[in-house]
PDB file of all heavy atoms in Angstrom:
ATOM      1  N   PHE A   1       0.830  -1.203   0.000  1.00  0.00           N
ATOM      2  CA  PHE A   1       0.000   0.000   0.000  1.00  0.00           C
ATOM      3  C   PHE A   1       0.866   1.255   0.000  1.00  0.00           C
ATOM      4  O   PHE A   1       0.495   2.262  -0.592  1.00  0.00           O
ATOM      5  CB  PHE A   1      -0.930   0.003   1.216  1.00  0.00           C
ATOM      6  CG  PHE A   1      -2.201  -0.765   1.017  1.00  0.00           C
ATOM      7  CD1 PHE A   1      -2.183  -2.136   0.859  1.00  0.00           C
ATOM      8  CD2 PHE A   1      -3.417  -0.106   0.976  1.00  0.00           C
ATOM      9  CE1 PHE A   1      -3.347  -2.849   0.680  1.00  0.00           C
ATOM     10  CE2 PHE A   1      -4.592  -0.810   0.791  1.00  0.00           C
ATOM     11  CZ  PHE A   1      -4.563  -2.188   0.647  1.00  0.00           C
ATOM     12  N   ASP A   2       2.021   1.189   0.642  1.00  0.00           N
ATOM     13  CA  ASP A   2       2.904   2.351   0.732  1.00  0.00           C
ATOM     14  C   ASP A   2       3.637   2.632  -0.578  1.00  0.00           C
ATOM     15  O   ASP A   2       4.100   3.746  -0.802  1.00  0.00           O
ATOM     16  CB  ASP A   2       3.953   2.148   1.837  1.00  0.00           C
ATOM     17  CG  ASP A   2       3.323   2.031   3.209  1.00  0.00           C
ATOM     18  OD1 ASP A   2       2.222   2.583   3.412  1.00  0.00           O
ATOM     19  OD2 ASP A   2       3.929   1.374   4.077  1.00  0.00           O
ATOM     20  N   LEU A   3       3.769   1.632  -1.423  1.00  0.00           N
ATOM     21  CA  LEU A   3       4.587   1.772  -2.629  1.00  0.00           C
ATOM     22  C   LEU A   3       3.790   2.117  -3.882  1.00  0.00           C
ATOM     23  O   LEU A   3       4.357   2.179  -4.969  1.00  0.00           O
ATOM     24  CB  LEU A   3       5.386   0.480  -2.849  1.00  0.00           C
ATOM     25  CG  LEU A   3       6.358   0.138  -1.706  1.00  0.00           C
ATOM     26  CD1 LEU A   3       7.022  -1.204  -1.959  1.00  0.00           C
ATOM     27  CD2 LEU A   3       7.389   1.239  -1.527  1.00  0.00           C
ATOM     28  N   VAL A   4       2.498   2.332  -3.755  1.00  0.00           N
ATOM     29  CA  VAL A   4       1.672   2.697  -4.910  1.00  0.00           C
ATOM     30  C   VAL A   4       2.097   4.080  -5.400  1.00  0.00           C
ATOM     31  O   VAL A   4       2.009   5.065  -4.670  1.00  0.00           O
ATOM     32  CB  VAL A   4       0.173   2.697  -4.523  1.00  0.00           C
ATOM     33  CG1 VAL A   4      -0.672   3.292  -5.629  1.00  0.00           C
ATOM     34  CG2 VAL A   4      -0.282   1.288  -4.183  1.00  0.00           C
ATOM     35  N   LEU A   5       2.583   4.127  -6.636  1.00  0.00           N
ATOM     36  CA  LEU A   5       3.026   5.394  -7.224  1.00  0.00           C
ATOM     37  C   LEU A   5       1.803   6.183  -7.702  1.00  0.00           C
ATOM     38  O   LEU A   5       1.004   5.676  -8.493  1.00  0.00           O
ATOM     39  CB  LEU A   5       3.973   5.131  -8.386  1.00  0.00           C
ATOM     40  CG  LEU A   5       5.246   4.361  -8.029  1.00  0.00           C
ATOM     41  CD1 LEU A   5       6.025   4.001  -9.285  1.00  0.00           C
ATOM     42  CD2 LEU A   5       6.097   5.167  -7.061  1.00  0.00           C
ATOM     43  N   HIS A   6       1.651   7.409  -7.227  1.00  0.00           N
ATOM     44  CA  HIS A   6       0.460   8.195  -7.526  1.00  0.00           C
ATOM     45  C   HIS A   6       0.248   8.411  -9.024  1.00  0.00           C
ATOM     46  O   HIS A   6      -0.867   8.266  -9.523  1.00  0.00           O
ATOM     47  CB  HIS A   6       0.507   9.534  -6.801  1.00  0.00           C
ATOM     48  CG  HIS A   6       0.396   9.395  -5.322  1.00  0.00           C
ATOM     49  ND1 HIS A   6       0.743  10.402  -4.457  1.00  0.00           N
ATOM     50  CD2 HIS A   6      -0.022   8.372  -4.535  1.00  0.00           C
ATOM     51  CE1 HIS A   6       0.542  10.005  -3.206  1.00  0.00           C
ATOM     52  NE2 HIS A   6       0.094   8.779  -3.236  1.00  0.00           N
ATOM     53  N   GLY A   7       1.311   8.776  -9.729  1.00  0.00           N
ATOM     54  CA  GLY A   7       1.177   9.022 -11.167  1.00  0.00           C
ATOM     55  C   GLY A   7       0.718   7.780 -11.914  1.00  0.00           C
ATOM     56  O   GLY A   7      -0.172   7.844 -12.774  1.00  0.00           O
ATOM     57  N   ARG A   8       1.307   6.643 -11.592  1.00  0.00           N
ATOM     58  CA  ARG A   8       0.930   5.391 -12.247  1.00  0.00           C
ATOM     59  C   ARG A   8      -0.508   5.014 -11.905  1.00  0.00           C
ATOM     60  O   ARG A   8      -1.269   4.568 -12.759  1.00  0.00           O
ATOM     61  CB  ARG A   8       1.892   4.281 -11.839  1.00  0.00           C
ATOM     62  CG  ARG A   8       1.699   3.008 -12.655  1.00  0.00           C
ATOM     63  CD  ARG A   8       2.652   1.905 -12.250  1.00  0.00           C
ATOM     64  NE  ARG A   8       4.031   2.241 -12.569  1.00  0.00           N
ATOM     65  CZ  ARG A   8       5.061   1.475 -12.237  1.00  0.00           C
ATOM     66  NH1 ARG A   8       4.889   0.354 -11.582  1.00  0.00           N
ATOM     67  NH2 ARG A   8       6.284   1.828 -12.559  1.00  0.00           N
ATOM     68  N   LEU A   9      -0.909   5.214 -10.665  1.00  0.00           N
ATOM     69  CA  LEU A   9      -2.275   4.903 -10.239  1.00  0.00           C
ATOM     70  C   LEU A   9      -3.277   5.778 -10.986  1.00  0.00           C
ATOM     71  O   LEU A   9      -4.299   5.284 -11.482  1.00  0.00           O
ATOM     72  CB  LEU A   9      -2.425   5.102  -8.729  1.00  0.00           C
ATOM     73  CG  LEU A   9      -3.835   4.953  -8.163  1.00  0.00           C
ATOM     74  CD1 LEU A   9      -4.387   3.553  -8.418  1.00  0.00           C
ATOM     75  CD2 LEU A   9      -3.843   5.280  -6.683  1.00  0.00           C
ATOM     76  N   LEU A  10      -3.001   7.066 -11.098  1.00  0.00           N
ATOM     77  CA  LEU A  10      -3.911   7.967 -11.792  1.00  0.00           C
ATOM     78  C   LEU A  10      -4.027   7.601 -13.274  1.00  0.00           C
ATOM     79  O   LEU A  10      -5.116   7.675 -13.849  1.00  0.00           O
ATOM     80  CB  LEU A  10      -3.461   9.416 -11.606  1.00  0.00           C
ATOM     81  CG  LEU A  10      -3.615   9.953 -10.177  1.00  0.00           C
ATOM     82  CD1 LEU A  10      -2.910  11.287 -10.019  1.00  0.00           C
ATOM     83  CD2 LEU A  10      -5.078  10.050  -9.779  1.00  0.00           C
ATOM     84  N   THR A  11      -2.933   7.174 -13.878  1.00  0.00           N
ATOM     85  CA  THR A  11      -2.980   6.723 -15.276  1.00  0.00           C
ATOM     86  C   THR A  11      -3.858   5.493 -15.410  1.00  0.00           C
ATOM     87  O   THR A  11      -4.673   5.389 -16.339  1.00  0.00           O
ATOM     88  CB  THR A  11      -1.558   6.420 -15.786  1.00  0.00           C
ATOM     89  OG1 THR A  11      -0.782   7.620 -15.726  1.00  0.00           O
ATOM     90  CG2 THR A  11      -1.572   5.890 -17.205  1.00  0.00           C
ATOM     91  N   LYS A  12      -3.718   4.556 -14.492  1.00  0.00           N
ATOM     92  CA  LYS A  12      -4.536   3.341 -14.539  1.00  0.00           C
ATOM     93  C   LYS A  12      -6.011   3.674 -14.354  1.00  0.00           C
ATOM     94  O   LYS A  12      -6.865   3.105 -15.027  1.00  0.00           O
ATOM     95  CB  LYS A  12      -4.068   2.342 -13.471  1.00  0.00           C
ATOM     96  CG  LYS A  12      -2.711   1.745 -13.802  1.00  0.00           C
ATOM     97  CD  LYS A  12      -2.240   0.796 -12.725  1.00  0.00           C
ATOM     98  CE  LYS A  12      -0.865   0.246 -13.067  1.00  0.00           C
ATOM     99  NZ  LYS A  12      -0.493  -0.914 -12.281  1.00  0.00           N
ATOM    100  N   PHE A  13      -6.322   4.608 -13.464  1.00  0.00           N
ATOM    101  CA  PHE A  13      -7.706   5.032 -13.288  1.00  0.00           C
ATOM    102  C   PHE A  13      -8.238   5.664 -14.561  1.00  0.00           C
ATOM    103  O   PHE A  13      -9.350   5.369 -14.990  1.00  0.00           O
ATOM    104  CB  PHE A  13      -7.827   6.034 -12.131  1.00  0.00           C
ATOM    105  CG  PHE A  13      -8.380   5.434 -10.881  1.00  0.00           C
ATOM    106  CD1 PHE A  13      -7.546   5.153  -9.826  1.00  0.00           C
ATOM    107  CD2 PHE A  13      -9.731   5.148 -10.764  1.00  0.00           C
ATOM    108  CE1 PHE A  13      -8.040   4.605  -8.660  1.00  0.00           C
ATOM    109  CE2 PHE A  13     -10.232   4.592  -9.611  1.00  0.00           C
ATOM    110  CZ  PHE A  13      -9.386   4.323  -8.549  1.00  0.00           C
ATOM    111  N   ALA A  14      -7.453   6.540 -15.163  1.00  0.00           N
ATOM    112  CA  ALA A  14      -7.892   7.206 -16.385  1.00  0.00           C
ATOM    113  C   ALA A  14      -8.172   6.186 -17.489  1.00  0.00           C
ATOM    114  O   ALA A  14      -9.148   6.314 -18.231  1.00  0.00           O
ATOM    115  CB  ALA A  14      -6.836   8.211 -16.838  1.00  0.00           C
ATOM    116  N   ASN A  15      -7.331   5.164 -17.576  1.00  0.00           N
ATOM    117  CA  ASN A  15      -7.511   4.129 -18.603  1.00  0.00           C
ATOM    118  C   ASN A  15      -8.689   3.206 -18.322  1.00  0.00           C
ATOM    119  O   ASN A  15      -9.108   2.456 -19.200  1.00  0.00           O
ATOM    120  CB  ASN A  15      -6.236   3.309 -18.762  1.00  0.00           C
ATOM    121  CG  ASN A  15      -5.101   4.119 -19.344  1.00  0.00           C
ATOM    122  OD1 ASN A  15      -5.320   5.124 -20.003  1.00  0.00           O
ATOM    123  ND2 ASN A  15      -3.877   3.707 -19.076  1.00  0.00           N
ATOM    124  N   SER A  16      -9.214   3.255 -17.095  1.00  0.00           N
ATOM    125  CA  SER A  16     -10.334   2.373 -16.744  1.00  0.00           C
ATOM    126  C   SER A  16     -11.674   2.933 -17.193  1.00  0.00           C
ATOM    127  O   SER A  16     -12.682   2.251 -17.098  1.00  0.00           O
ATOM    128  CB  SER A  16     -10.360   2.131 -15.231  1.00  0.00           C
ATOM    129  OG  SER A  16     -10.868   3.271 -14.553  1.00  0.00           O
ATOM    130  N   GLY A  17     -11.695   4.162 -17.656  1.00  0.00           N
ATOM    131  CA  GLY A  17     -12.950   4.757 -18.104  1.00  0.00           C
ATOM    132  C   GLY A  17     -13.724   5.463 -17.008  1.00  0.00           C
ATOM    133  O   GLY A  17     -14.895   5.775 -17.179  1.00  0.00           O
ATOM    134  N   VAL A  18     -13.070   5.730 -15.882  1.00  0.00           N
ATOM    135  CA  VAL A  18     -13.722   6.427 -14.778  1.00  0.00           C
ATOM    136  C   VAL A  18     -14.080   7.848 -15.228  1.00  0.00           C
ATOM    137  O   VAL A  18     -13.317   8.496 -15.946  1.00  0.00           O
ATOM    138  CB  VAL A  18     -12.785   6.451 -13.539  1.00  0.00           C
ATOM    139  CG1 VAL A  18     -13.285   7.398 -12.469  1.00  0.00           C
ATOM    140  CG2 VAL A  18     -12.637   5.065 -12.971  1.00  0.00           C
ATOM    141  N   ASP A  19     -15.217   8.319 -14.818  1.00  0.00           N
ATOM    142  CA  ASP A  19     -15.690   9.662 -15.126  1.00  0.00           C
ATOM    143  C   ASP A  19     -14.626  10.694 -14.733  1.00  0.00           C
ATOM    144  O   ASP A  19     -13.985  10.562 -13.685  1.00  0.00           O
ATOM    145  CB  ASP A  19     -16.998   9.916 -14.360  1.00  0.00           C
ATOM    146  CG  ASP A  19     -17.615  11.246 -14.687  1.00  0.00           C
ATOM    147  OD1 ASP A  19     -17.145  12.266 -14.140  1.00  0.00           O
ATOM    148  OD2 ASP A  19     -18.566  11.274 -15.487  1.00  0.00           O
ATOM    149  N   SER A  20     -14.462  11.727 -15.538  1.00  0.00           N
ATOM    150  CA  SER A  20     -13.420  12.725 -15.302  1.00  0.00           C
ATOM    151  C   SER A  20     -13.616  13.448 -13.970  1.00  0.00           C
ATOM    152  O   SER A  20     -12.646  13.845 -13.332  1.00  0.00           O
ATOM    153  CB  SER A  20     -13.360  13.729 -16.447  1.00  0.00           C
ATOM    154  OG  SER A  20     -14.591  14.432 -16.548  1.00  0.00           O
ATOM    155  N   ARG A  21     -14.862  13.615 -13.522  1.00  0.00           N
ATOM    156  CA  ARG A  21     -15.097  14.260 -12.224  1.00  0.00           C
ATOM    157  C   ARG A  21     -14.566  13.393 -11.083  1.00  0.00           C
ATOM    158  O   ARG A  21     -14.031  13.903 -10.100  1.00  0.00           O
ATOM    159  CB  ARG A  21     -16.583  14.543 -12.035  1.00  0.00           C
ATOM    160  CG  ARG A  21     -17.098  15.606 -13.033  1.00  0.00           C
ATOM    161  CD  ARG A  21     -18.574  15.699 -12.983  1.00  0.00           C
ATOM    162  NE  ARG A  21     -19.112  14.419 -13.503  1.00  0.00           N
ATOM    163  CZ  ARG A  21     -20.378  14.149 -13.655  1.00  0.00           C
ATOM    164  NH1 ARG A  21     -21.291  15.030 -13.309  1.00  0.00           N
ATOM    165  NH2 ARG A  21     -20.782  12.998 -14.143  1.00  0.00           N
ATOM    166  N   VAL A  22     -14.698  12.078 -11.228  1.00  0.00           N
ATOM    167  CA  VAL A  22     -14.171  11.162 -10.218  1.00  0.00           C
ATOM    168  C   VAL A  22     -12.643  11.222 -10.240  1.00  0.00           C
ATOM    169  O   VAL A  22     -11.996  11.191  -9.190  1.00  0.00           O
ATOM    170  CB  VAL A  22     -14.681   9.722 -10.450  1.00  0.00           C
ATOM    171  CG1 VAL A  22     -14.030   8.740  -9.497  1.00  0.00           C
ATOM    172  CG2 VAL A  22     -16.199   9.675 -10.322  1.00  0.00           C
ATOM    173  N   MET A  23     -12.084  11.316 -11.436  1.00  0.00           N
ATOM    174  CA  MET A  23     -10.623  11.421 -11.565  1.00  0.00           C
ATOM    175  C   MET A  23     -10.095  12.650 -10.816  1.00  0.00           C
ATOM    176  O   MET A  23      -9.086  12.565 -10.118  1.00  0.00           O
ATOM    177  CB  MET A  23     -10.209  11.506 -13.040  1.00  0.00           C
ATOM    178  CG  MET A  23     -10.190  10.187 -13.757  1.00  0.00           C
ATOM    179  SD  MET A  23      -8.976   9.037 -13.093  1.00  0.00           S
ATOM    180  CE  MET A  23      -7.469   9.983 -13.219  1.00  0.00           C
ATOM    181  N   VAL A  24     -10.779  13.763 -10.966  1.00  0.00           N
ATOM    182  CA  VAL A  24     -10.360  14.993 -10.270  1.00  0.00           C
ATOM    183  C   VAL A  24     -10.429  14.772  -8.766  1.00  0.00           C
ATOM    184  O   VAL A  24      -9.511  15.153  -8.025  1.00  0.00           O
ATOM    185  CB  VAL A  24     -11.237  16.195 -10.696  1.00  0.00           C
ATOM    186  CG1 VAL A  24     -11.008  17.394  -9.797  1.00  0.00           C
ATOM    187  CG2 VAL A  24     -10.977  16.543 -12.149  1.00  0.00           C
TER     188      VAL A  24
END
């Protein structure tokens, strides 16, 4: 849990099709 890279996580979320408001 401590090693999750924020940038990589946000990219994975964006690629999942999550609504842009949720992404923000």
